[in-house]
Amino acid sequence: MGRTSDAREKILGAARSLIELRGYSALGVAEICKAAGVPKGSFYYFFESKEALALTVIDEHRAEQERAWRHLLTGQAAPLQRLRRLFEATEAGQRAGQQSCGTVSGCLFGNLTLEMSNHTEAVRGRLQEIFDAQVDLVEAVMAEALARAEITVTDTREAARSVVAQLEGQVLFAKLYNDTRRLDSLWANCLALLGTHAPAGATATR
């Protein structure tokens, strides 16, 4: 039976993996169910449409990512050390993904932004919320760094947007070229963007 307690999680897990590897538009419900190992009828028991499934995948990944970002960006370490931890974790995640499946998967939210934001307002709105929340978290770090005179930029909101955009853009290039070495310059570029007074070679506190 497809209505077992784990069928929904199997569908979500298969959908997320397939979306990361191939994108959303090319996927069909039958393919997702086959990958999940559940009958097609189970899909419509849990999700009214493929778009509803995509929104659930987005929401679950959003919650997972937000927990990770909050953990990395808060604590007793200096602001820029915490920010660097985020960059290092992003690099490590992309490298681990490449080792696992042979390709750089990129950012699920960035991939869906490129593919779907002009096709469905529900997905566009959800992705806008996610990137705004990312900017909020980074801006709090920017405000601390400015108060400590570690950076010279004074518009912390715009600085946070630029940091998130740079992170997203470099991950996109790593995916495009299937080369995680595209991420090597992330931290140095971030320091230059912020006009930092902190030493560029400082090691993040783990």
N, C-alpha and C. Protein backbone atom coordinates (compact mmCIF):
# COMPACT_ATOMS: atom_id res chain seq x y z
N MET A 1 0.84 -1.20 0.00
CA MET A 1 0.00 0.00 0.00
C MET A 1 0.87 1.25 0.00
N GLY A 2 0.41 2.28 -0.70
CA GLY A 2 1.20 3.49 -0.79
C GLY A 2 0.99 4.45 0.35
N ARG A 3 0.01 4.17 1.22
CA ARG A 3 -0.34 5.14 2.25
C ARG A 3 0.33 4.81 3.58
N THR A 4 1.44 4.13 3.51
CA THR A 4 2.19 3.84 4.73
C THR A 4 2.82 5.11 5.24
N SER A 5 3.25 5.07 6.49
CA SER A 5 3.75 6.28 7.14
C SER A 5 4.99 6.85 6.48
N ASP A 6 5.75 6.00 5.76
CA ASP A 6 6.98 6.51 5.17
C ASP A 6 6.84 6.82 3.68
N ALA A 7 5.67 6.59 3.10
CA ALA A 7 5.51 6.84 1.66
C ALA A 7 5.72 8.30 1.32
N ARG A 8 5.17 9.20 2.14
CA ARG A 8 5.32 10.63 1.89
C ARG A 8 6.79 11.02 1.91
N GLU A 9 7.54 10.52 2.89
CA GLU A 9 8.96 10.87 2.98
C GLU A 9 9.74 10.29 1.80
N LYS A 10 9.35 9.11 1.34
CA LYS A 10 10.02 8.52 0.18
C LYS A 10 9.79 9.38 -1.06
N ILE A 11 8.56 9.83 -1.22
CA ILE A 11 8.25 10.70 -2.37
C ILE A 11 9.03 12.00 -2.29
N LEU A 12 9.07 12.61 -1.12
CA LEU A 12 9.81 13.86 -0.96
C LEU A 12 11.30 13.67 -1.20
N GLY A 13 11.85 12.58 -0.67
CA GLY A 13 13.27 12.33 -0.86
C GLY A 13 13.62 12.10 -2.32
N ALA A 14 12.79 11.32 -3.01
CA ALA A 14 13.04 11.06 -4.43
C ALA A 14 12.89 12.33 -5.24
N ALA A 15 11.86 13.12 -4.93
CA ALA A 15 11.62 14.36 -5.68
C ALA A 15 12.79 15.33 -5.50
N ARG A 16 13.26 15.47 -4.29
CA ARG A 16 14.37 16.39 -4.06
C ARG A 16 15.62 15.95 -4.82
N SER A 17 15.93 14.66 -4.76
CA SER A 17 17.12 14.16 -5.47
C SER A 17 17.00 14.37 -6.96
N LEU A 18 15.82 14.07 -7.51
CA LEU A 18 15.63 14.22 -8.95
C LEU A 18 15.65 15.68 -9.38
N ILE A 19 15.04 16.54 -8.58
CA ILE A 19 15.05 17.97 -8.90
C ILE A 19 16.48 18.51 -8.88
N GLU A 20 17.26 18.10 -7.89
CA GLU A 20 18.65 18.56 -7.80
C GLU A 20 19.47 18.09 -9.00
N LEU A 21 19.20 16.87 -9.47
CA LEU A 21 19.99 16.31 -10.56
C LEU A 21 19.52 16.78 -11.93
N ARG A 22 18.18 16.88 -12.11
CA ARG A 22 17.65 17.10 -13.45
C ARG A 22 16.76 18.31 -13.60
N GLY A 23 16.39 18.94 -12.50
CA GLY A 23 15.45 20.04 -12.58
C GLY A 23 14.03 19.56 -12.39
N TYR A 24 13.11 20.50 -12.35
CA TYR A 24 11.70 20.22 -12.05
C TYR A 24 10.87 19.92 -13.29
N SER A 25 11.03 20.72 -14.32
CA SER A 25 10.11 20.68 -15.46
C SER A 25 10.10 19.34 -16.17
N ALA A 26 11.25 18.69 -16.27
CA ALA A 26 11.34 17.44 -17.03
C ALA A 26 10.81 16.24 -16.27
N LEU A 27 10.50 16.40 -14.98
CA LEU A 27 10.07 15.28 -14.17
C LEU A 27 8.57 15.05 -14.29
N GLY A 28 8.20 13.79 -14.26
CA GLY A 28 6.80 13.43 -14.22
C GLY A 28 6.47 12.73 -12.92
N VAL A 29 5.20 12.71 -12.58
CA VAL A 29 4.78 12.07 -11.33
C VAL A 29 5.14 10.59 -11.33
N ALA A 30 4.96 9.93 -12.46
CA ALA A 30 5.26 8.49 -12.54
C ALA A 30 6.74 8.23 -12.25
N GLU A 31 7.60 9.08 -12.78
CA GLU A 31 9.04 8.91 -12.56
C GLU A 31 9.41 9.10 -11.09
N ILE A 32 8.80 10.10 -10.48
CA ILE A 32 9.05 10.36 -9.07
C ILE A 32 8.61 9.17 -8.22
N CYS A 33 7.42 8.64 -8.52
CA CYS A 33 6.91 7.50 -7.76
C CYS A 33 7.77 6.26 -7.97
N LYS A 34 8.24 6.06 -9.19
CA LYS A 34 9.12 4.91 -9.46
C LYS A 34 10.40 5.02 -8.66
N ALA A 35 10.98 6.21 -8.64
CA ALA A 35 12.22 6.41 -7.87
C ALA A 35 11.97 6.23 -6.38
N ALA A 36 10.77 6.61 -5.92
CA ALA A 36 10.44 6.50 -4.51
C ALA A 36 10.04 5.08 -4.12
N GLY A 37 9.68 4.27 -5.13
CA GLY A 37 9.25 2.91 -4.85
C GLY A 37 7.85 2.84 -4.26
N VAL A 38 6.98 3.75 -4.70
CA VAL A 38 5.60 3.77 -4.19
C VAL A 38 4.64 3.82 -5.38
N PRO A 39 3.42 3.34 -5.22
CA PRO A 39 2.43 3.41 -6.31
C PRO A 39 2.07 4.85 -6.63
N LYS A 40 1.67 5.07 -7.87
CA LYS A 40 1.32 6.43 -8.29
C LYS A 40 0.16 6.99 -7.49
N GLY A 41 -0.75 6.13 -7.08
CA GLY A 41 -1.88 6.60 -6.30
C GLY A 41 -1.47 7.23 -4.98
N SER A 42 -0.32 6.79 -4.46
CA SER A 42 0.16 7.35 -3.20
C SER A 42 0.49 8.83 -3.35
N PHE A 43 0.98 9.20 -4.53
CA PHE A 43 1.36 10.59 -4.76
C PHE A 43 0.17 11.50 -4.51
N TYR A 44 -0.96 11.18 -5.11
CA TYR A 44 -2.11 12.07 -5.01
C TYR A 44 -2.83 11.95 -3.67
N TYR A 45 -2.47 10.95 -2.90
CA TYR A 45 -2.97 10.89 -1.53
C TYR A 45 -2.31 11.98 -0.68
N PHE A 46 -1.03 12.23 -0.95
CA PHE A 46 -0.28 13.20 -0.16
C PHE A 46 -0.18 14.58 -0.81
N PHE A 47 -0.19 14.64 -2.14
CA PHE A 47 0.03 15.91 -2.85
C PHE A 47 -1.01 16.06 -3.94
N GLU A 48 -1.61 17.25 -4.02
CA GLU A 48 -2.66 17.46 -5.02
C GLU A 48 -2.10 17.70 -6.41
N SER A 49 -0.83 18.06 -6.50
CA SER A 49 -0.22 18.32 -7.80
C SER A 49 1.30 18.27 -7.68
N LYS A 50 1.97 18.28 -8.83
CA LYS A 50 3.42 18.31 -8.82
C LYS A 50 3.94 19.62 -8.23
N GLU A 51 3.21 20.71 -8.48
CA GLU A 51 3.61 21.99 -7.90
C GLU A 51 3.51 21.96 -6.38
N ALA A 52 2.46 21.33 -5.86
CA ALA A 52 2.33 21.20 -4.41
C ALA A 52 3.50 20.41 -3.83
N LEU A 53 3.93 19.38 -4.54
CA LEU A 53 5.10 18.62 -4.11
C LEU A 53 6.34 19.50 -4.11
N ALA A 54 6.53 20.29 -5.18
CA ALA A 54 7.69 21.17 -5.27
C ALA A 54 7.72 22.15 -4.11
N LEU A 55 6.56 22.71 -3.77
CA LEU A 55 6.50 23.66 -2.65
C LEU A 55 6.85 22.98 -1.33
N THR A 56 6.45 21.73 -1.17
CA THR A 56 6.78 21.01 0.06
C THR A 56 8.27 20.70 0.11
N VAL A 57 8.84 20.32 -1.02
CA VAL A 57 10.29 20.09 -1.08
C VAL A 57 11.03 21.38 -0.70
N ILE A 58 10.58 22.49 -1.26
CA ILE A 58 11.19 23.79 -0.95
C ILE A 58 11.08 24.10 0.54
N ASP A 59 9.90 23.90 1.10
CA ASP A 59 9.68 24.24 2.51
C ASP A 59 10.54 23.37 3.43
N GLU A 60 10.65 22.09 3.13
CA GLU A 60 11.44 21.21 3.99
C GLU A 60 12.93 21.54 3.88
N HIS A 61 13.39 21.82 2.66
CA HIS A 61 14.79 22.20 2.50
C HIS A 61 15.06 23.55 3.14
N ARG A 62 14.08 24.44 3.06
CA ARG A 62 14.22 25.76 3.69
C ARG A 62 14.42 25.61 5.20
N ALA A 63 13.60 24.79 5.83
CA ALA A 63 13.72 24.60 7.28
C ALA A 63 15.07 24.01 7.65
N GLU A 64 15.51 23.05 6.87
CA GLU A 64 16.81 22.42 7.10
C GLU A 64 17.94 23.42 6.94
N GLN A 65 17.88 24.21 5.85
CA GLN A 65 18.93 25.17 5.61
C GLN A 65 18.95 26.28 6.66
N GLU A 66 17.76 26.74 7.05
CA GLU A 66 17.69 27.83 8.03
C GLU A 66 18.30 27.40 9.36
N ARG A 67 18.05 26.16 9.77
CA ARG A 67 18.67 25.65 11.00
C ARG A 67 20.18 25.67 10.88
N ALA A 68 20.69 25.24 9.73
CA ALA A 68 22.14 25.19 9.52
C ALA A 68 22.73 26.60 9.51
N TRP A 69 22.09 27.53 8.80
CA TRP A 69 22.60 28.90 8.73
C TRP A 69 22.59 29.56 10.10
N ARG A 70 21.52 29.36 10.86
CA ARG A 70 21.47 29.96 12.20
C ARG A 70 22.57 29.41 13.08
N HIS A 71 22.82 28.13 12.97
CA HIS A 71 23.89 27.52 13.77
C HIS A 71 25.24 28.10 13.40
N LEU A 72 25.48 28.28 12.11
CA LEU A 72 26.78 28.78 11.65
C LEU A 72 26.97 30.27 11.93
N LEU A 73 25.90 31.03 11.84
CA LEU A 73 26.01 32.49 11.90
C LEU A 73 25.79 33.07 13.29
N THR A 74 25.51 32.24 14.27
CA THR A 74 25.34 32.73 15.64
C THR A 74 26.39 32.09 16.54
N GLY A 75 26.55 32.65 17.71
CA GLY A 75 27.53 32.11 18.64
C GLY A 75 28.49 33.17 19.13
N GLN A 76 29.55 32.74 19.78
CA GLN A 76 30.48 33.65 20.43
C GLN A 76 31.65 34.07 19.55
N ALA A 77 31.84 33.41 18.43
CA ALA A 77 32.95 33.77 17.55
C ALA A 77 32.73 35.15 16.95
N ALA A 78 33.81 35.77 16.47
CA ALA A 78 33.73 37.08 15.83
C ALA A 78 32.81 36.99 14.60
N PRO A 79 32.15 38.09 14.25
CA PRO A 79 31.19 38.06 13.14
C PRO A 79 31.75 37.49 11.83
N LEU A 80 32.92 37.97 11.42
CA LEU A 80 33.47 37.50 10.15
C LEU A 80 33.90 36.05 10.22
N GLN A 81 34.27 35.58 11.40
CA GLN A 81 34.59 34.16 11.54
C GLN A 81 33.34 33.31 11.34
N ARG A 82 32.21 33.80 11.86
CA ARG A 82 30.97 33.07 11.68
C ARG A 82 30.54 33.08 10.21
N LEU A 83 30.71 34.22 9.56
CA LEU A 83 30.37 34.30 8.15
C LEU A 83 31.24 33.35 7.33
N ARG A 84 32.51 33.29 7.68
CA ARG A 84 33.39 32.40 6.94
C ARG A 84 32.97 30.94 7.11
N ARG A 85 32.47 30.59 8.28
CA ARG A 85 32.00 29.22 8.50
C ARG A 85 30.89 28.88 7.50
N LEU A 86 30.02 29.86 7.22
CA LEU A 86 28.96 29.63 6.25
C LEU A 86 29.54 29.34 4.87
N PHE A 87 30.53 30.11 4.48
CA PHE A 87 31.17 29.91 3.18
C PHE A 87 31.84 28.55 3.11
N GLU A 88 32.54 28.19 4.17
CA GLU A 88 33.24 26.90 4.19
C GLU A 88 32.25 25.74 4.16
N ALA A 89 31.14 25.87 4.86
CA ALA A 89 30.13 24.82 4.85
C ALA A 89 29.50 24.68 3.46
N THR A 90 29.30 25.81 2.79
CA THR A 90 28.75 25.77 1.44
C THR A 90 29.71 25.07 0.49
N GLU A 91 30.98 25.39 0.57
CA GLU A 91 31.98 24.73 -0.27
C GLU A 91 32.02 23.24 0.01
N ALA A 92 32.03 22.88 1.28
CA ALA A 92 32.11 21.47 1.66
C ALA A 92 30.89 20.70 1.15
N GLY A 93 29.72 21.31 1.23
CA GLY A 93 28.51 20.65 0.76
C GLY A 93 28.53 20.40 -0.73
N GLN A 94 29.00 21.37 -1.50
CA GLN A 94 29.08 21.19 -2.95
C GLN A 94 30.11 20.13 -3.33
N ARG A 95 31.23 20.11 -2.63
CA ARG A 95 32.25 19.10 -2.92
C ARG A 95 31.76 17.70 -2.56
N ALA A 96 31.06 17.59 -1.44
CA ALA A 96 30.52 16.29 -1.04
C ALA A 96 29.49 15.80 -2.06
N GLY A 97 28.67 16.71 -2.56
CA GLY A 97 27.69 16.34 -3.56
C GLY A 97 28.33 15.86 -4.84
N GLN A 98 29.40 16.52 -5.25
CA GLN A 98 30.10 16.12 -6.46
C GLN A 98 30.72 14.74 -6.30
N GLN A 99 31.31 14.48 -5.14
CA GLN A 99 31.90 13.17 -4.89
C GLN A 99 30.84 12.07 -4.88
N SER A 100 29.64 12.42 -4.42
CA SER A 100 28.57 11.44 -4.30
C SER A 100 27.95 11.07 -5.64
N CYS A 101 27.66 12.10 -6.47
CA CYS A 101 26.93 11.81 -7.71
C CYS A 101 27.70 12.15 -8.98
N GLY A 102 28.90 12.72 -8.84
CA GLY A 102 29.73 13.00 -10.00
C GLY A 102 29.54 14.37 -10.61
N THR A 103 28.54 15.11 -10.15
CA THR A 103 28.31 16.45 -10.66
C THR A 103 28.06 17.41 -9.50
N VAL A 104 28.35 18.68 -9.73
CA VAL A 104 28.04 19.71 -8.75
C VAL A 104 26.56 20.03 -8.87
N SER A 105 25.82 19.83 -7.81
CA SER A 105 24.35 19.99 -7.88
C SER A 105 23.91 21.44 -7.79
N GLY A 106 24.75 22.30 -7.22
CA GLY A 106 24.38 23.69 -7.05
C GLY A 106 23.43 23.88 -5.88
N CYS A 107 22.75 25.00 -5.86
CA CYS A 107 21.80 25.32 -4.80
C CYS A 107 20.39 25.01 -5.28
N LEU A 108 19.65 24.22 -4.52
CA LEU A 108 18.29 23.87 -4.91
C LEU A 108 17.45 25.12 -5.16
N PHE A 109 17.58 26.12 -4.29
CA PHE A 109 16.78 27.33 -4.43
C PHE A 109 17.21 28.13 -5.66
N GLY A 110 18.51 28.21 -5.88
CA GLY A 110 18.99 28.92 -7.05
C GLY A 110 18.58 28.23 -8.34
N ASN A 111 18.67 26.90 -8.35
CA ASN A 111 18.27 26.15 -9.54
C ASN A 111 16.80 26.36 -9.86
N LEU A 112 15.96 26.30 -8.82
CA LEU A 112 14.53 26.48 -9.04
C LEU A 112 14.18 27.92 -9.41
N THR A 113 14.96 28.88 -8.89
CA THR A 113 14.74 30.27 -9.28
C THR A 113 14.93 30.45 -10.78
N LEU A 114 15.99 29.88 -11.32
CA LEU A 114 16.27 29.98 -12.74
C LEU A 114 15.22 29.26 -13.57
N GLU A 115 14.75 28.14 -13.07
CA GLU A 115 13.84 27.30 -13.86
C GLU A 115 12.38 27.68 -13.74
N MET A 116 11.95 28.09 -12.54
CA MET A 116 10.51 28.16 -12.28
C MET A 116 9.96 29.52 -11.92
N SER A 117 10.81 30.48 -11.59
CA SER A 117 10.28 31.74 -11.04
C SER A 117 9.40 32.50 -12.02
N ASN A 118 9.56 32.27 -13.32
CA ASN A 118 8.72 32.95 -14.30
C ASN A 118 7.49 32.14 -14.69
N HIS A 119 7.30 30.99 -14.04
CA HIS A 119 6.21 30.11 -14.44
C HIS A 119 5.14 29.94 -13.37
N THR A 120 5.49 30.11 -12.12
CA THR A 120 4.51 29.93 -11.07
C THR A 120 4.73 30.94 -9.96
N GLU A 121 3.71 31.72 -9.68
CA GLU A 121 3.83 32.76 -8.67
C GLU A 121 4.00 32.18 -7.27
N ALA A 122 3.41 31.01 -7.03
CA ALA A 122 3.55 30.39 -5.70
C ALA A 122 5.01 30.07 -5.41
N VAL A 123 5.69 29.50 -6.39
CA VAL A 123 7.11 29.16 -6.20
C VAL A 123 7.95 30.43 -6.15
N ARG A 124 7.65 31.39 -7.02
CA ARG A 124 8.39 32.65 -7.01
C ARG A 124 8.30 33.31 -5.62
N GLY A 125 7.11 33.39 -5.08
CA GLY A 125 6.92 34.02 -3.77
C GLY A 125 7.67 33.29 -2.68
N ARG A 126 7.63 31.96 -2.72
CA ARG A 126 8.32 31.18 -1.69
C ARG A 126 9.83 31.39 -1.77
N LEU A 127 10.37 31.43 -2.97
CA LEU A 127 11.81 31.62 -3.14
C LEU A 127 12.23 33.03 -2.71
N GLN A 128 11.39 34.02 -3.00
CA GLN A 128 11.69 35.38 -2.54
C GLN A 128 11.78 35.42 -1.01
N GLU A 129 10.85 34.75 -0.35
CA GLU A 129 10.88 34.70 1.11
C GLU A 129 12.17 34.06 1.62
N ILE A 130 12.59 33.01 0.96
CA ILE A 130 13.79 32.29 1.39
C ILE A 130 15.03 33.16 1.26
N PHE A 131 15.19 33.81 0.11
CA PHE A 131 16.38 34.65 -0.07
C PHE A 131 16.33 35.88 0.83
N ASP A 132 15.15 36.42 1.07
CA ASP A 132 15.03 37.54 2.02
C ASP A 132 15.45 37.10 3.42
N ALA A 133 15.06 35.88 3.80
CA ALA A 133 15.44 35.37 5.12
C ALA A 133 16.95 35.15 5.21
N GLN A 134 17.56 34.71 4.12
CA GLN A 134 19.02 34.56 4.10
C GLN A 134 19.70 35.91 4.30
N VAL A 135 19.19 36.91 3.59
CA VAL A 135 19.75 38.26 3.71
C VAL A 135 19.59 38.76 5.14
N ASP A 136 18.45 38.49 5.77
CA ASP A 136 18.24 38.90 7.16
C ASP A 136 19.32 38.33 8.08
N LEU A 137 19.60 37.05 7.92
CA LEU A 137 20.59 36.39 8.78
C LEU A 137 21.98 36.97 8.56
N VAL A 138 22.34 37.20 7.31
CA VAL A 138 23.66 37.75 7.00
C VAL A 138 23.74 39.21 7.45
N GLU A 139 22.65 39.95 7.31
CA GLU A 139 22.67 41.36 7.70
C GLU A 139 22.95 41.51 9.20
N ALA A 140 22.43 40.62 10.01
CA ALA A 140 22.69 40.68 11.45
C ALA A 140 24.18 40.54 11.72
N VAL A 141 24.85 39.69 10.96
CA VAL A 141 26.30 39.53 11.11
C VAL A 141 27.02 40.78 10.63
N MET A 142 26.55 41.36 9.51
CA MET A 142 27.14 42.59 8.99
C MET A 142 27.06 43.72 10.01
N ALA A 143 25.92 43.83 10.68
CA ALA A 143 25.74 44.89 11.68
C ALA A 143 26.74 44.73 12.82
N GLU A 144 26.97 43.50 13.25
CA GLU A 144 27.95 43.25 14.30
C GLU A 144 29.36 43.61 13.82
N ALA A 145 29.67 43.20 12.60
CA ALA A 145 31.00 43.47 12.07
C ALA A 145 31.23 44.97 11.92
N LEU A 146 30.21 45.71 11.51
CA LEU A 146 30.33 47.16 11.38
C LEU A 146 30.53 47.81 12.75
N ALA A 147 29.80 47.34 13.73
CA ALA A 147 29.94 47.89 15.09
C ALA A 147 31.34 47.66 15.64
N ARG A 148 31.99 46.59 15.20
CA ARG A 148 33.35 46.29 15.65
C ARG A 148 34.40 46.90 14.73
N ALA A 149 33.95 47.68 13.75
CA ALA A 149 34.84 48.32 12.77
C ALA A 149 35.66 47.30 12.00
N GLU A 150 35.08 46.14 11.73
CA GLU A 150 35.77 45.11 10.95
C GLU A 150 35.52 45.27 9.46
N ILE A 151 34.49 46.03 9.09
CA ILE A 151 34.18 46.26 7.69
C ILE A 151 33.96 47.76 7.48
N THR A 152 34.09 48.19 6.25
CA THR A 152 33.95 49.61 5.96
C THR A 152 32.63 49.95 5.29
N VAL A 153 31.92 48.96 4.74
CA VAL A 153 30.61 49.26 4.15
C VAL A 153 29.65 49.68 5.26
N THR A 154 28.80 50.62 4.96
CA THR A 154 27.89 51.13 5.99
C THR A 154 26.44 50.73 5.76
N ASP A 155 26.08 50.36 4.54
CA ASP A 155 24.73 49.89 4.26
C ASP A 155 24.72 48.38 4.45
N THR A 156 24.40 47.95 5.66
CA THR A 156 24.50 46.52 5.96
C THR A 156 23.48 45.69 5.20
N ARG A 157 22.32 46.26 4.88
CA ARG A 157 21.32 45.51 4.12
C ARG A 157 21.82 45.21 2.72
N GLU A 158 22.36 46.24 2.06
CA GLU A 158 22.87 46.04 0.72
C GLU A 158 24.10 45.13 0.73
N ALA A 159 24.92 45.28 1.74
CA ALA A 159 26.09 44.40 1.86
C ALA A 159 25.66 42.95 2.00
N ALA A 160 24.63 42.72 2.81
CA ALA A 160 24.14 41.35 3.00
C ALA A 160 23.59 40.78 1.70
N ARG A 161 22.86 41.61 0.95
CA ARG A 161 22.35 41.15 -0.35
C ARG A 161 23.52 40.77 -1.27
N SER A 162 24.56 41.58 -1.26
CA SER A 162 25.70 41.31 -2.12
C SER A 162 26.42 40.02 -1.72
N VAL A 163 26.53 39.79 -0.42
CA VAL A 163 27.17 38.56 0.06
C VAL A 163 26.38 37.34 -0.37
N VAL A 164 25.06 37.38 -0.18
CA VAL A 164 24.22 36.25 -0.58
C VAL A 164 24.26 36.06 -2.09
N ALA A 165 24.25 37.16 -2.85
CA ALA A 165 24.31 37.08 -4.30
C ALA A 165 25.63 36.49 -4.77
N GLN A 166 26.71 36.88 -4.11
CA GLN A 166 28.02 36.33 -4.49
C GLN A 166 28.08 34.84 -4.19
N LEU A 167 27.59 34.46 -3.04
CA LEU A 167 27.58 33.05 -2.66
C LEU A 167 26.77 32.24 -3.66
N GLU A 168 25.59 32.75 -3.99
CA GLU A 168 24.71 32.05 -4.93
C GLU A 168 25.33 32.00 -6.33
N GLY A 169 25.93 33.11 -6.74
CA GLY A 169 26.50 33.17 -8.08
C GLY A 169 27.69 32.25 -8.25
N GLN A 170 28.56 32.17 -7.26
CA GLN A 170 29.73 31.29 -7.36
C GLN A 170 29.31 29.83 -7.35
N VAL A 171 28.29 29.50 -6.57
CA VAL A 171 27.76 28.13 -6.58
C VAL A 171 27.19 27.81 -7.97
N LEU A 172 26.53 28.79 -8.58
CA LEU A 172 26.01 28.60 -9.93
C LEU A 172 27.13 28.33 -10.93
N PHE A 173 28.23 29.09 -10.82
CA PHE A 173 29.37 28.85 -11.71
C PHE A 173 29.97 27.47 -11.46
N ALA A 174 30.06 27.06 -10.21
CA ALA A 174 30.60 25.73 -9.91
C ALA A 174 29.74 24.65 -10.56
N LYS A 175 28.41 24.86 -10.54
CA LYS A 175 27.51 23.90 -11.18
C LYS A 175 27.69 23.95 -12.70
N LEU A 176 27.75 25.15 -13.26
CA LEU A 176 27.86 25.29 -14.71
C LEU A 176 29.11 24.60 -15.25
N TYR A 177 30.24 24.79 -14.57
CA TYR A 177 31.50 24.23 -15.03
C TYR A 177 31.79 22.86 -14.39
N ASN A 178 30.89 22.41 -13.51
CA ASN A 178 31.09 21.17 -12.77
C ASN A 178 32.48 21.14 -12.14
N ASP A 179 32.80 22.23 -11.47
CA ASP A 179 34.16 22.41 -10.94
C ASP A 179 34.07 23.18 -9.63
N THR A 180 34.29 22.50 -8.53
CA THR A 180 34.20 23.16 -7.23
C THR A 180 35.36 24.12 -6.98
N ARG A 181 36.37 24.09 -7.83
CA ARG A 181 37.46 25.07 -7.67
C ARG A 181 36.97 26.49 -7.93
N ARG A 182 35.81 26.61 -8.58
CA ARG A 182 35.20 27.93 -8.77
C ARG A 182 34.83 28.57 -7.44
N LEU A 183 34.79 27.77 -6.39
CA LEU A 183 34.43 28.28 -5.06
C LEU A 183 35.64 28.76 -4.27
N ASP A 184 36.85 28.51 -4.79
CA ASP A 184 38.06 28.81 -4.01
C ASP A 184 38.19 30.29 -3.67
N SER A 185 37.69 31.16 -4.53
CA SER A 185 37.87 32.60 -4.32
C SER A 185 36.74 33.23 -3.53
N LEU A 186 35.81 32.44 -3.06
CA LEU A 186 34.63 32.98 -2.40
C LEU A 186 34.97 33.90 -1.24
N TRP A 187 35.80 33.42 -0.32
CA TRP A 187 36.05 34.20 0.89
C TRP A 187 36.85 35.46 0.59
N ALA A 188 37.88 35.36 -0.23
CA ALA A 188 38.67 36.54 -0.56
C ALA A 188 37.80 37.59 -1.25
N ASN A 189 36.91 37.15 -2.13
CA ASN A 189 36.01 38.09 -2.80
C ASN A 189 35.05 38.74 -1.81
N CYS A 190 34.60 37.97 -0.84
CA CYS A 190 33.70 38.51 0.17
C CYS A 190 34.39 39.59 0.99
N LEU A 191 35.61 39.34 1.40
CA LEU A 191 36.36 40.32 2.18
C LEU A 191 36.56 41.61 1.39
N ALA A 192 36.87 41.47 0.10
CA ALA A 192 37.05 42.65 -0.74
C ALA A 192 35.74 43.42 -0.88
N LEU A 193 34.65 42.71 -1.02
CA LEU A 193 33.34 43.32 -1.16
C LEU A 193 32.97 44.14 0.08
N LEU A 194 33.34 43.61 1.24
CA LEU A 194 32.98 44.26 2.50
C LEU A 194 33.96 45.34 2.92
N GLY A 195 35.09 45.45 2.21
CA GLY A 195 36.09 46.42 2.62
C GLY A 195 36.57 46.13 4.03
N THR A 196 36.90 44.87 4.28
CA THR A 196 37.17 44.44 5.64
C THR A 196 38.52 44.92 6.15
N HIS A 197 38.58 45.13 7.45
CA HIS A 197 39.84 45.42 8.13
C HIS A 197 40.45 44.14 8.73
N ALA A 198 39.69 43.05 8.67
CA ALA A 198 40.19 41.79 9.23
C ALA A 198 41.19 41.17 8.28
N PRO A 199 42.20 40.45 8.76
CA PRO A 199 43.17 39.81 7.90
C PRO A 199 42.51 38.78 7.00
N ALA A 200 42.81 38.84 5.69
CA ALA A 200 42.15 37.97 4.72
C ALA A 200 42.43 36.50 4.98
N GLY A 201 43.55 36.20 5.57
CA GLY A 201 43.89 34.81 5.79
C GLY A 201 43.46 34.25 7.12
N ALA A 202 42.64 35.02 7.84
CA ALA A 202 42.22 34.54 9.15
C ALA A 202 41.46 33.24 9.04
N THR A 203 41.70 32.36 9.95
CA THR A 203 41.08 31.05 9.94
C THR A 203 39.79 31.10 10.74
N ALA A 204 38.74 30.51 10.20
CA ALA A 204 37.46 30.52 10.89
C ALA A 204 37.51 29.64 12.13
N THR A 205 36.82 30.04 13.15
CA THR A 205 36.69 29.23 14.34
C THR A 205 35.63 28.18 14.09
N ARG A 206 35.96 26.93 14.29
CA ARG A 206 35.03 25.84 14.00
C ARG A 206 34.35 25.39 15.27
